[in-house]
Amino acid sequence: VAIVAAITLTMRRRPETRYQDPSKQVVVKAKDRLR
């Protein structure tokens, strides 16, 4: 429980950090990203 709590404290979201969403990345088609 202490390990999970430490990870939770350090993994909080920060507004200045850019995040990636894997669920959106896997549904992207080539025509949407490549011209």
Full PDB file with SEQRES, HELIX, SHEET, SSBOND, CRYST1, ORIGX, SCALE, CONECT and MASTER records, all heavy atoms in Angstrom:
SEQRES   1 A   35  VAL ALA ILE VAL ALA ALA ILE THR LEU THR MET ARG ARG          
SEQRES   2 A   35  ARG PRO GLU THR ARG TYR GLN ASP PRO SER LYS GLN VAL          
SEQRES   3 A   35  VAL VAL LYS ALA LYS ASP ARG LEU ARG                          
HELIX    1 AA1 ALA A    2  THR A   10  1                                   9    
HELIX    2 AA2 PRO A   22  GLN A   25  1                                   4    
HELIX    3 AA3 ALA A   30  ARG A   33  1                                   4    
CRYST1    1.000    1.000    1.000  90.00  90.00  90.00 P 1           1          
ORIGX1      1.000000  0.000000  0.000000        0.00000                         
ORIGX2      0.000000  1.000000  0.000000        0.00000                         
ORIGX3      0.000000  0.000000  1.000000        0.00000                         
SCALE1      1.000000  0.000000  0.000000        0.00000                         
SCALE2      0.000000  1.000000  0.000000        0.00000                         
SCALE3      0.000000  0.000000  1.000000        0.00000                         
ATOM      1  N   VAL A   1       0.832  -1.205   0.000  1.00  0.00           N  
ATOM      2  CA  VAL A   1       0.000   0.000   0.000  1.00  0.00           C  
ATOM      3  C   VAL A   1       0.869   1.258   0.000  1.00  0.00           C  
ATOM      4  O   VAL A   1       0.565   2.248  -0.687  1.00  0.00           O  
ATOM      5  CB  VAL A   1      -0.950  -0.024   1.217  1.00  0.00           C  
ATOM      6  CG1 VAL A   1      -1.688   1.306   1.348  1.00  0.00           C  
ATOM      7  CG2 VAL A   1      -1.948  -1.166   1.083  1.00  0.00           C  
ATOM      8  N   ALA A   2       1.968   1.234   0.751  1.00  0.00           N  
ATOM      9  CA  ALA A   2       2.873   2.389   0.770  1.00  0.00           C  
ATOM     10  C   ALA A   2       3.498   2.627  -0.602  1.00  0.00           C  
ATOM     11  O   ALA A   2       3.653   3.773  -1.033  1.00  0.00           O  
ATOM     12  CB  ALA A   2       3.959   2.170   1.822  1.00  0.00           C  
ATOM     13  N   ILE A   3       3.848   1.559  -1.313  1.00  0.00           N  
ATOM     14  CA  ILE A   3       4.416   1.706  -2.652  1.00  0.00           C  
ATOM     15  C   ILE A   3       3.400   2.329  -3.600  1.00  0.00           C  
ATOM     16  O   ILE A   3       3.705   3.250  -4.372  1.00  0.00           O  
ATOM     17  CB  ILE A   3       4.897   0.343  -3.182  1.00  0.00           C  
ATOM     18  CG1 ILE A   3       6.088  -0.156  -2.365  1.00  0.00           C  
ATOM     19  CG2 ILE A   3       5.259   0.418  -4.651  1.00  0.00           C  
ATOM     20  CD1 ILE A   3       6.497  -1.569  -2.705  1.00  0.00           C  
ATOM     21  N   VAL A   4       2.148   1.839  -3.548  1.00  0.00           N  
ATOM     22  CA  VAL A   4       1.102   2.393  -4.409  1.00  0.00           C  
ATOM     23  C   VAL A   4       0.854   3.865  -4.075  1.00  0.00           C  
ATOM     24  O   VAL A   4       0.675   4.708  -4.973  1.00  0.00           O  
ATOM     25  CB  VAL A   4      -0.188   1.563  -4.272  1.00  0.00           C  
ATOM     26  CG1 VAL A   4      -1.332   2.202  -5.043  1.00  0.00           C  
ATOM     27  CG2 VAL A   4       0.037   0.139  -4.756  1.00  0.00           C  
ATOM     28  N   ALA A   5       0.866   4.209  -2.790  1.00  0.00           N  
ATOM     29  CA  ALA A   5       0.656   5.597  -2.400  1.00  0.00           C  
ATOM     30  C   ALA A   5       1.789   6.490  -2.891  1.00  0.00           C  
ATOM     31  O   ALA A   5       1.550   7.616  -3.355  1.00  0.00           O  
ATOM     32  CB  ALA A   5       0.531   5.690  -0.874  1.00  0.00           C  
ATOM     33  N   ALA A   6       3.028   6.012  -2.810  1.00  0.00           N  
ATOM     34  CA  ALA A   6       4.161   6.803  -3.294  1.00  0.00           C  
ATOM     35  C   ALA A   6       4.067   7.033  -4.796  1.00  0.00           C  
ATOM     36  O   ALA A   6       4.322   8.144  -5.289  1.00  0.00           O  
ATOM     37  CB  ALA A   6       5.474   6.106  -2.939  1.00  0.00           C  
ATOM     38  N   ILE A   7       3.669   5.993  -5.545  1.00  0.00           N  
ATOM     39  CA  ILE A   7       3.517   6.151  -6.994  1.00  0.00           C  
ATOM     40  C   ILE A   7       2.385   7.123  -7.305  1.00  0.00           C  
ATOM     41  O   ILE A   7       2.495   7.973  -8.203  1.00  0.00           O  
ATOM     42  CB  ILE A   7       3.268   4.784  -7.653  1.00  0.00           C  
ATOM     43  CG1 ILE A   7       4.495   3.884  -7.490  1.00  0.00           C  
ATOM     44  CG2 ILE A   7       2.914   4.937  -9.122  1.00  0.00           C  
ATOM     45  CD1 ILE A   7       4.291   2.470  -7.976  1.00  0.00           C  
ATOM     46  N   THR A   8       1.299   7.058  -6.555  1.00  0.00           N  
ATOM     47  CA  THR A   8       0.178   7.968  -6.776  1.00  0.00           C  
ATOM     48  C   THR A   8       0.583   9.411  -6.520  1.00  0.00           C  
ATOM     49  O   THR A   8       0.186  10.325  -7.255  1.00  0.00           O  
ATOM     50  CB  THR A   8      -0.998   7.574  -5.864  1.00  0.00           C  
ATOM     51  OG1 THR A   8      -1.338   6.208  -6.100  1.00  0.00           O  
ATOM     52  CG2 THR A   8      -2.207   8.445  -6.142  1.00  0.00           C  
ATOM     53  N   LEU A   9       1.385   9.652  -5.486  1.00  0.00           N  
ATOM     54  CA  LEU A   9       1.808  11.015  -5.180  1.00  0.00           C  
ATOM     55  C   LEU A   9       2.705  11.593  -6.275  1.00  0.00           C  
ATOM     56  O   LEU A   9       2.616  12.782  -6.603  1.00  0.00           O  
ATOM     57  CB  LEU A   9       2.539  11.046  -3.842  1.00  0.00           C  
ATOM     58  CG  LEU A   9       1.669  10.884  -2.585  1.00  0.00           C  
ATOM     59  CD1 LEU A   9       2.548  10.795  -1.357  1.00  0.00           C  
ATOM     60  CD2 LEU A   9       0.694  12.047  -2.463  1.00  0.00           C  
ATOM     61  N   THR A  10       3.567  10.775  -6.829  1.00  0.00           N  
ATOM     62  CA  THR A  10       4.513  11.282  -7.830  1.00  0.00           C  
ATOM     63  C   THR A  10       3.932  11.320  -9.232  1.00  0.00           C  
ATOM     64  O   THR A  10       4.494  11.992 -10.102  1.00  0.00           O  
ATOM     65  CB  THR A  10       5.778  10.413  -7.853  1.00  0.00           C  
ATOM     66  OG1 THR A  10       5.402   9.044  -8.086  1.00  0.00           O  
ATOM     67  CG2 THR A  10       6.511  10.504  -6.527  1.00  0.00           C  
ATOM     68  N   MET A  11       2.818  10.632  -9.485  1.00  0.00           N  
ATOM     69  CA  MET A  11       2.243  10.578 -10.827  1.00  0.00           C  
ATOM     70  C   MET A  11       1.052  11.502 -10.996  1.00  0.00           C  
ATOM     71  O   MET A  11       0.233  11.308 -11.879  1.00  0.00           O  
ATOM     72  CB  MET A  11       1.828   9.132 -11.156  1.00  0.00           C  
ATOM     73  CG  MET A  11       2.985   8.166 -11.255  1.00  0.00           C  
ATOM     74  SD  MET A  11       4.067   8.533 -12.634  1.00  0.00           S  
ATOM     75  CE  MET A  11       3.018   8.080 -14.008  1.00  0.00           C  
ATOM     76  N   ARG A  12       0.893  12.511 -10.153  1.00  0.00           N  
ATOM     77  CA  ARG A  12      -0.239  13.415 -10.307  1.00  0.00           C  
ATOM     78  C   ARG A  12      -0.067  14.260 -11.571  1.00  0.00           C  
ATOM     79  O   ARG A  12       1.040  14.547 -12.008  1.00  0.00           O  
ATOM     80  CB  ARG A  12      -0.361  14.313  -9.082  1.00  0.00           C  
ATOM     81  CG  ARG A  12       0.772  15.284  -8.882  1.00  0.00           C  
ATOM     82  CD  ARG A  12       0.438  16.215  -7.725  1.00  0.00           C  
ATOM     83  NE  ARG A  12       1.442  17.244  -7.578  1.00  0.00           N  
ATOM     84  CZ  ARG A  12       2.419  17.214  -6.709  1.00  0.00           C  
ATOM     85  NH1 ARG A  12       2.532  16.166  -5.918  1.00  0.00           N  
ATOM     86  NH2 ARG A  12       3.289  18.194  -6.625  1.00  0.00           N  
ATOM     87  N   ARG A  13      -1.192  14.686 -12.155  1.00  0.00           N  
ATOM     88  CA  ARG A  13      -1.156  15.418 -13.418  1.00  0.00           C  
ATOM     89  C   ARG A  13      -0.732  16.860 -13.182  1.00  0.00           C  
ATOM     90  O   ARG A  13      -1.157  17.503 -12.234  1.00  0.00           O  
ATOM     91  CB  ARG A  13      -2.532  15.387 -14.090  1.00  0.00           C  
ATOM     92  CG  ARG A  13      -2.896  14.020 -14.614  1.00  0.00           C  
ATOM     93  CD  ARG A  13      -4.159  14.072 -15.450  1.00  0.00           C  
ATOM     94  NE  ARG A  13      -4.412  12.792 -16.087  1.00  0.00           N  
ATOM     95  CZ  ARG A  13      -3.907  12.443 -17.254  1.00  0.00           C  
ATOM     96  NH1 ARG A  13      -3.123  13.267 -17.912  1.00  0.00           N  
ATOM     97  NH2 ARG A  13      -4.181  11.261 -17.781  1.00  0.00           N  
ATOM     98  N   ARG A  14       0.092  17.359 -14.091  1.00  0.00           N  
ATOM     99  CA  ARG A  14       0.544  18.740 -14.030  1.00  0.00           C  
ATOM    100  C   ARG A  14       0.116  19.434 -15.320  1.00  0.00           C  
ATOM    101  O   ARG A  14       0.253  18.857 -16.404  1.00  0.00           O  
ATOM    102  CB  ARG A  14       2.054  18.801 -13.848  1.00  0.00           C  
ATOM    103  CG  ARG A  14       2.503  17.996 -12.648  1.00  0.00           C  
ATOM    104  CD  ARG A  14       3.954  18.116 -12.375  1.00  0.00           C  
ATOM    105  NE  ARG A  14       4.305  17.220 -11.269  1.00  0.00           N  
ATOM    106  CZ  ARG A  14       5.327  17.428 -10.473  1.00  0.00           C  
ATOM    107  NH1 ARG A  14       6.087  18.470 -10.641  1.00  0.00           N  
ATOM    108  NH2 ARG A  14       5.587  16.600  -9.491  1.00  0.00           N  
ATOM    109  N   PRO A  15      -0.373  20.658 -15.229  1.00  0.00           N  
ATOM    110  CA  PRO A  15      -0.900  21.319 -16.450  1.00  0.00           C  
ATOM    111  C   PRO A  15       0.166  21.603 -17.492  1.00  0.00           C  
ATOM    112  O   PRO A  15      -0.128  21.656 -18.683  1.00  0.00           O  
ATOM    113  CB  PRO A  15      -1.520  22.625 -15.899  1.00  0.00           C  
ATOM    114  CG  PRO A  15      -0.855  22.833 -14.573  1.00  0.00           C  
ATOM    115  CD  PRO A  15      -0.558  21.464 -14.030  1.00  0.00           C  
ATOM    116  N   GLU A  16       1.411  21.786 -17.079  1.00  0.00           N  
ATOM    117  CA  GLU A  16       2.451  22.128 -18.048  1.00  0.00           C  
ATOM    118  C   GLU A  16       3.058  20.898 -18.728  1.00  0.00           C  
ATOM    119  O   GLU A  16       3.912  21.044 -19.602  1.00  0.00           O  
ATOM    120  CB  GLU A  16       3.572  22.922 -17.358  1.00  0.00           C  
ATOM    121  CG  GLU A  16       4.401  22.124 -16.359  1.00  0.00           C  
ATOM    122  CD  GLU A  16       3.799  22.067 -14.972  1.00  0.00           C  
ATOM    123  OE1 GLU A  16       2.663  22.564 -14.827  1.00  0.00           O  
ATOM    124  OE2 GLU A  16       4.458  21.544 -14.058  1.00  0.00           O  
ATOM    125  N   THR A  17       2.624  19.707 -18.355  1.00  0.00           N  
ATOM    126  CA  THR A  17       3.178  18.479 -18.922  1.00  0.00           C  
ATOM    127  C   THR A  17       2.278  17.966 -20.043  1.00  0.00           C  
ATOM    128  O   THR A  17       1.050  17.966 -19.908  1.00  0.00           O  
ATOM    129  CB  THR A  17       3.320  17.402 -17.831  1.00  0.00           C  
ATOM    130  OG1 THR A  17       4.093  17.936 -16.758  1.00  0.00           O  
ATOM    131  CG2 THR A  17       4.008  16.172 -18.375  1.00  0.00           C  
ATOM    132  N   ARG A  18       2.876  17.546 -21.143  1.00  0.00           N  
ATOM    133  CA  ARG A  18       2.122  16.996 -22.266  1.00  0.00           C  
ATOM    134  C   ARG A  18       1.992  15.481 -22.094  1.00  0.00           C  
ATOM    135  O   ARG A  18       2.968  14.798 -21.791  1.00  0.00           O  
ATOM    136  CB  ARG A  18       2.828  17.320 -23.581  1.00  0.00           C  
ATOM    137  CG  ARG A  18       2.971  18.818 -23.834  1.00  0.00           C  
ATOM    138  CD  ARG A  18       3.685  19.093 -25.130  1.00  0.00           C  
ATOM    139  NE  ARG A  18       2.927  18.580 -26.260  1.00  0.00           N  
ATOM    140  CZ  ARG A  18       3.350  18.633 -27.522  1.00  0.00           C  
ATOM    141  NH1 ARG A  18       4.533  19.152 -27.801  1.00  0.00           N  
ATOM    142  NH2 ARG A  18       2.603  18.153 -28.492  1.00  0.00           N  
ATOM    143  N   TYR A  19       0.770  14.985 -22.278  1.00  0.00           N  
ATOM    144  CA  TYR A  19       0.497  13.558 -22.097  1.00  0.00           C  
ATOM    145  C   TYR A  19       0.038  12.946 -23.415  1.00  0.00           C  
ATOM    146  O   TYR A  19      -0.503  13.640 -24.297  1.00  0.00           O  
ATOM    147  CB  TYR A  19      -0.582  13.346 -21.034  1.00  0.00           C  
ATOM    148  CG  TYR A  19      -0.158  13.750 -19.641  1.00  0.00           C  
ATOM    149  CD1 TYR A  19      -0.418  15.025 -19.172  1.00  0.00           C  
ATOM    150  CD2 TYR A  19       0.499  12.859 -18.808  1.00  0.00           C  
ATOM    151  CE1 TYR A  19      -0.020  15.410 -17.897  1.00  0.00           C  
ATOM    152  CE2 TYR A  19       0.904  13.226 -17.542  1.00  0.00           C  
ATOM    153  CZ  TYR A  19       0.639  14.498 -17.088  1.00  0.00           C  
ATOM    154  OH  TYR A  19       1.031  14.872 -15.830  1.00  0.00           O  
ATOM    155  N   GLN A  20       0.214  11.651 -23.545  1.00  0.00           N  
ATOM    156  CA  GLN A  20      -0.247  10.901 -24.702  1.00  0.00           C  
ATOM    157  C   GLN A  20      -1.350   9.954 -24.287  1.00  0.00           C  
ATOM    158  O   GLN A  20      -1.309   9.375 -23.196  1.00  0.00           O  
ATOM    159  CB  GLN A  20       0.905  10.115 -25.338  1.00  0.00           C  
ATOM    160  CG  GLN A  20       2.007  10.992 -25.908  1.00  0.00           C  
ATOM    161  CD  GLN A  20       3.116  10.169 -26.527  1.00  0.00           C  
ATOM    162  OE1 GLN A  20       3.121   8.948 -26.398  1.00  0.00           O  
ATOM    163  NE2 GLN A  20       4.040  10.827 -27.192  1.00  0.00           N  
ATOM    164  N   ASP A  21      -2.340   9.813 -25.173  1.00  0.00           N  
ATOM    165  CA  ASP A  21      -3.454   8.899 -24.929  1.00  0.00           C  
ATOM    166  C   ASP A  21      -3.309   7.705 -25.871  1.00  0.00           C  
ATOM    167  O   ASP A  21      -3.575   7.822 -27.076  1.00  0.00           O  
ATOM    168  CB  ASP A  21      -4.782   9.618 -25.171  1.00  0.00           C  
ATOM    169  CG  ASP A  21      -5.965   8.782 -24.692  1.00  0.00           C  
ATOM    170  OD1 ASP A  21      -5.739   7.610 -24.324  1.00  0.00           O  
ATOM    171  OD2 ASP A  21      -7.098   9.294 -24.673  1.00  0.00           O  
ATOM    172  N   PRO A  22      -2.872   6.536 -25.369  1.00  0.00           N  
ATOM    173  CA  PRO A  22      -2.673   5.377 -26.272  1.00  0.00           C  
ATOM    174  C   PRO A  22      -3.939   4.949 -26.984  1.00  0.00           C  
ATOM    175  O   PRO A  22      -3.878   4.468 -28.126  1.00  0.00           O  
ATOM    176  CB  PRO A  22      -2.151   4.288 -25.330  1.00  0.00           C  
ATOM    177  CG  PRO A  22      -1.587   5.034 -24.158  1.00  0.00           C  
ATOM    178  CD  PRO A  22      -2.438   6.249 -24.008  1.00  0.00           C  
ATOM    179  N   SER A  23      -5.103   5.104 -26.356  1.00  0.00           N  
ATOM    180  CA  SER A  23      -6.345   4.675 -26.999  1.00  0.00           C  
ATOM    181  C   SER A  23      -6.647   5.504 -28.245  1.00  0.00           C  
ATOM    182  O   SER A  23      -7.239   4.997 -29.209  1.00  0.00           O  
ATOM    183  CB  SER A  23      -7.506   4.781 -26.007  1.00  0.00           C  
ATOM    184  OG  SER A  23      -7.684   6.133 -25.594  1.00  0.00           O  
ATOM    185  N   LYS A  24      -6.237   6.768 -28.246  1.00  0.00           N  
ATOM    186  CA  LYS A  24      -6.429   7.602 -29.435  1.00  0.00           C  
ATOM    187  C   LYS A  24      -5.346   7.344 -30.474  1.00  0.00           C  
ATOM    188  O   LYS A  24      -5.588   7.489 -31.677  1.00  0.00           O  
ATOM    189  CB  LYS A  24      -6.417   9.083 -29.040  1.00  0.00           C  
ATOM    190  CG  LYS A  24      -7.601   9.495 -28.182  1.00  0.00           C  
ATOM    191  CD  LYS A  24      -7.534  10.978 -27.853  1.00  0.00           C  
ATOM    192  CE  LYS A  24      -8.725  11.400 -26.997  1.00  0.00           C  
ATOM    193  NZ  LYS A  24      -8.664  12.846 -26.648  1.00  0.00           N  
ATOM    194  N   GLN A  25      -4.176   6.957 -30.023  1.00  0.00           N  
ATOM    195  CA  GLN A  25      -3.084   6.711 -30.968  1.00  0.00           C  
ATOM    196  C   GLN A  25      -3.322   5.471 -31.827  1.00  0.00           C  
ATOM    197  O   GLN A  25      -2.993   5.449 -33.009  1.00  0.00           O  
ATOM    198  CB  GLN A  25      -1.763   6.572 -30.212  1.00  0.00           C  
ATOM    199  CG  GLN A  25      -1.259   7.876 -29.613  1.00  0.00           C  
ATOM    200  CD  GLN A  25       0.028   7.677 -28.838  1.00  0.00           C  
ATOM    201  OE1 GLN A  25       0.243   6.629 -28.257  1.00  0.00           O  
ATOM    202  NE2 GLN A  25       0.876   8.689 -28.840  1.00  0.00           N  
ATOM    203  N   VAL A  26      -3.926   4.423 -31.253  1.00  0.00           N  
ATOM    204  CA  VAL A  26      -4.087   3.169 -31.994  1.00  0.00           C  
ATOM    205  C   VAL A  26      -5.197   3.240 -33.040  1.00  0.00           C  
ATOM    206  O   VAL A  26      -5.245   2.400 -33.943  1.00  0.00           O  
ATOM    207  CB  VAL A  26      -4.351   2.004 -31.018  1.00  0.00           C  
ATOM    208  CG1 VAL A  26      -3.162   1.779 -30.115  1.00  0.00           C  
ATOM    209  CG2 VAL A  26      -5.619   2.239 -30.203  1.00  0.00           C  
ATOM    210  N   VAL A  27      -6.108   4.210 -32.952  1.00  0.00           N  
ATOM    211  CA  VAL A  27      -7.212   4.314 -33.929  1.00  0.00           C  
ATOM    212  C   VAL A  27      -6.916   5.320 -35.028  1.00  0.00           C  
ATOM    213  O   VAL A  27      -7.752   5.549 -35.899  1.00  0.00           O  
ATOM    214  CB  VAL A  27      -8.525   4.709 -33.204  1.00  0.00           C  
ATOM    215  CG1 VAL A  27      -8.930   3.636 -32.207  1.00  0.00           C  
ATOM    216  CG2 VAL A  27      -8.395   6.058 -32.520  1.00  0.00           C  
ATOM    217  N   VAL A  28      -5.733   5.908 -35.007  1.00  0.00           N  
ATOM    218  CA  VAL A  28      -5.388   6.899 -36.035  1.00  0.00           C  
ATOM    219  C   VAL A  28      -5.088   6.189 -37.346  1.00  0.00           C  
ATOM    220  O   VAL A  28      -4.405   5.168 -37.377  1.00  0.00           O  
ATOM    221  CB  VAL A  28      -4.177   7.741 -35.566  1.00  0.00           C  
ATOM    222  CG1 VAL A  28      -3.671   8.611 -36.700  1.00  0.00           C  
ATOM    223  CG2 VAL A  28      -4.577   8.598 -34.387  1.00  0.00           C  
ATOM    224  N   LYS A  29      -5.628   6.729 -38.441  1.00  0.00           N  
ATOM    225  CA  LYS A  29      -5.376   6.178 -39.780  1.00  0.00           C  
ATOM    226  C   LYS A  29      -4.210   6.953 -40.417  1.00  0.00           C  
ATOM    227  O   LYS A  29      -3.907   8.086 -40.068  1.00  0.00           O  
ATOM    228  CB  LYS A  29      -6.631   6.320 -40.632  1.00  0.00           C  
ATOM    229  CG  LYS A  29      -7.835   5.633 -40.019  1.00  0.00           C  
ATOM    230  CD  LYS A  29      -8.032   4.333 -40.687  1.00  0.00           C  
ATOM    231  CE  LYS A  29      -9.172   3.535 -40.232  1.00  0.00           C  
ATOM    232  NZ  LYS A  29     -10.098   3.763 -39.356  1.00  0.00           N  
ATOM    233  N   ALA A  30      -3.605   6.314 -41.382  1.00  0.00           N  
ATOM    234  CA  ALA A  30      -2.474   6.945 -42.057  1.00  0.00           C  
ATOM    235  C   ALA A  30      -2.902   8.207 -42.800  1.00  0.00           C  
ATOM    236  O   ALA A  30      -2.173   9.197 -42.855  1.00  0.00           O  
ATOM    237  CB  ALA A  30      -1.818   5.958 -43.012  1.00  0.00           C  
ATOM    238  N   LYS A  31      -4.106   8.189 -43.382  1.00  0.00           N  
ATOM    239  CA  LYS A  31      -4.564   9.355 -44.141  1.00  0.00           C  
ATOM    240  C   LYS A  31      -4.825  10.560 -43.241  1.00  0.00           C  
ATOM    241  O   LYS A  31      -4.848  11.694 -43.718  1.00  0.00           O  
ATOM    242  CB  LYS A  31      -5.834   8.998 -44.912  1.00  0.00           C  
ATOM    243  CG  LYS A  31      -6.995   8.614 -44.010  1.00  0.00           C  
ATOM    244  CD  LYS A  31      -8.226   8.265 -44.828  1.00  0.00           C  
ATOM    245  CE  LYS A  31      -9.401   7.911 -43.917  1.00  0.00           C  
ATOM    246  NZ  LYS A  31     -10.615   7.589 -44.687  1.00  0.00           N  
ATOM    247  N   ASP A  32      -5.027  10.303 -41.945  1.00  0.00           N  
ATOM    248  CA  ASP A  32      -5.241  11.423 -41.022  1.00  0.00           C  
ATOM    249  C   ASP A  32      -3.940  12.118 -40.636  1.00  0.00           C  
ATOM    250  O   ASP A  32      -3.952  13.276 -40.226  1.00  0.00           O  
ATOM    251  CB  ASP A  32      -5.940  10.930 -39.750  1.00  0.00           C  
ATOM    252  CG  ASP A  32      -7.307  10.346 -40.046  1.00  0.00           C  
ATOM    253  OD1 ASP A  32      -7.922  10.776 -41.041  1.00  0.00           O  
ATOM    254  OD2 ASP A  32      -7.743   9.457 -39.280  1.00  0.00           O  
ATOM    255  N   ARG A  33      -2.846  11.422 -40.749  1.00  0.00           N  
ATOM    256  CA  ARG A  33      -1.564  11.962 -40.304  1.00  0.00           C  
ATOM    257  C   ARG A  33      -0.592  12.232 -41.460  1.00  0.00           C  
ATOM    258  O   ARG A  33       0.365  12.973 -41.284  1.00  0.00           O  
ATOM    259  CB  ARG A  33      -0.903  10.989 -39.323  1.00  0.00           C  
ATOM    260  CG  ARG A  33      -1.646  10.810 -38.016  1.00  0.00           C  
ATOM    261  CD  ARG A  33      -1.638  12.086 -37.201  1.00  0.00           C  
ATOM    262  NE  ARG A  33      -2.350  11.936 -35.951  1.00  0.00           N  
ATOM    263  CZ  ARG A  33      -1.757  11.578 -34.810  1.00  0.00           C  
ATOM    264  NH1 ARG A  33      -0.461  11.310 -34.811  1.00  0.00           N  
ATOM    265  NH2 ARG A  33      -2.463  11.475 -33.709  1.00  0.00           N  
ATOM    266  N   LEU A  34      -0.823  11.602 -42.621  1.00  0.00           N  
ATOM    267  CA  LEU A  34       0.132  11.680 -43.717  1.00  0.00           C  
ATOM    268  C   LEU A  34      -0.559  12.243 -44.953  1.00  0.00           C  
ATOM    269  O   LEU A  34      -1.648  11.812 -45.321  1.00  0.00           O  
ATOM    270  CB  LEU A  34       0.703  10.283 -44.020  1.00  0.00           C  
ATOM    271  CG  LEU A  34       1.713  10.200 -45.143  1.00  0.00           C  
ATOM    272  CD1 LEU A  34       2.981  10.965 -44.800  1.00  0.00           C  
ATOM    273  CD2 LEU A  34       2.060   8.741 -45.445  1.00  0.00           C  
ATOM    274  N   ARG A  35       0.052  13.224 -45.576  1.00  0.00           N  
ATOM    275  CA  ARG A  35      -0.472  13.805 -46.817  1.00  0.00           C  
ATOM    276  C   ARG A  35       0.572  13.648 -47.910  1.00  0.00           C  
ATOM    277  O   ARG A  35       1.716  14.077 -47.744  1.00  0.00           O  
ATOM    278  CB  ARG A  35      -0.798  15.290 -46.612  1.00  0.00           C  
ATOM    279  CG  ARG A  35      -1.473  15.916 -47.830  1.00  0.00           C  
ATOM    280  CD  ARG A  35      -1.815  17.361 -47.584  1.00  0.00           C  
ATOM    281  NE  ARG A  35      -0.600  18.141 -47.345  1.00  0.00           N  
ATOM    282  CZ  ARG A  35      -0.609  19.469 -47.189  1.00  0.00           C  
ATOM    283  NH1 ARG A  35      -1.743  20.131 -47.182  1.00  0.00           N  
ATOM    284  NH2 ARG A  35       0.521  20.112 -46.978  1.00  0.00           N  
TER     285      ARG A  35                                                      
MASTER        0    0    0    3    0    0    0    6  284    1    0    3          
END                                                                             
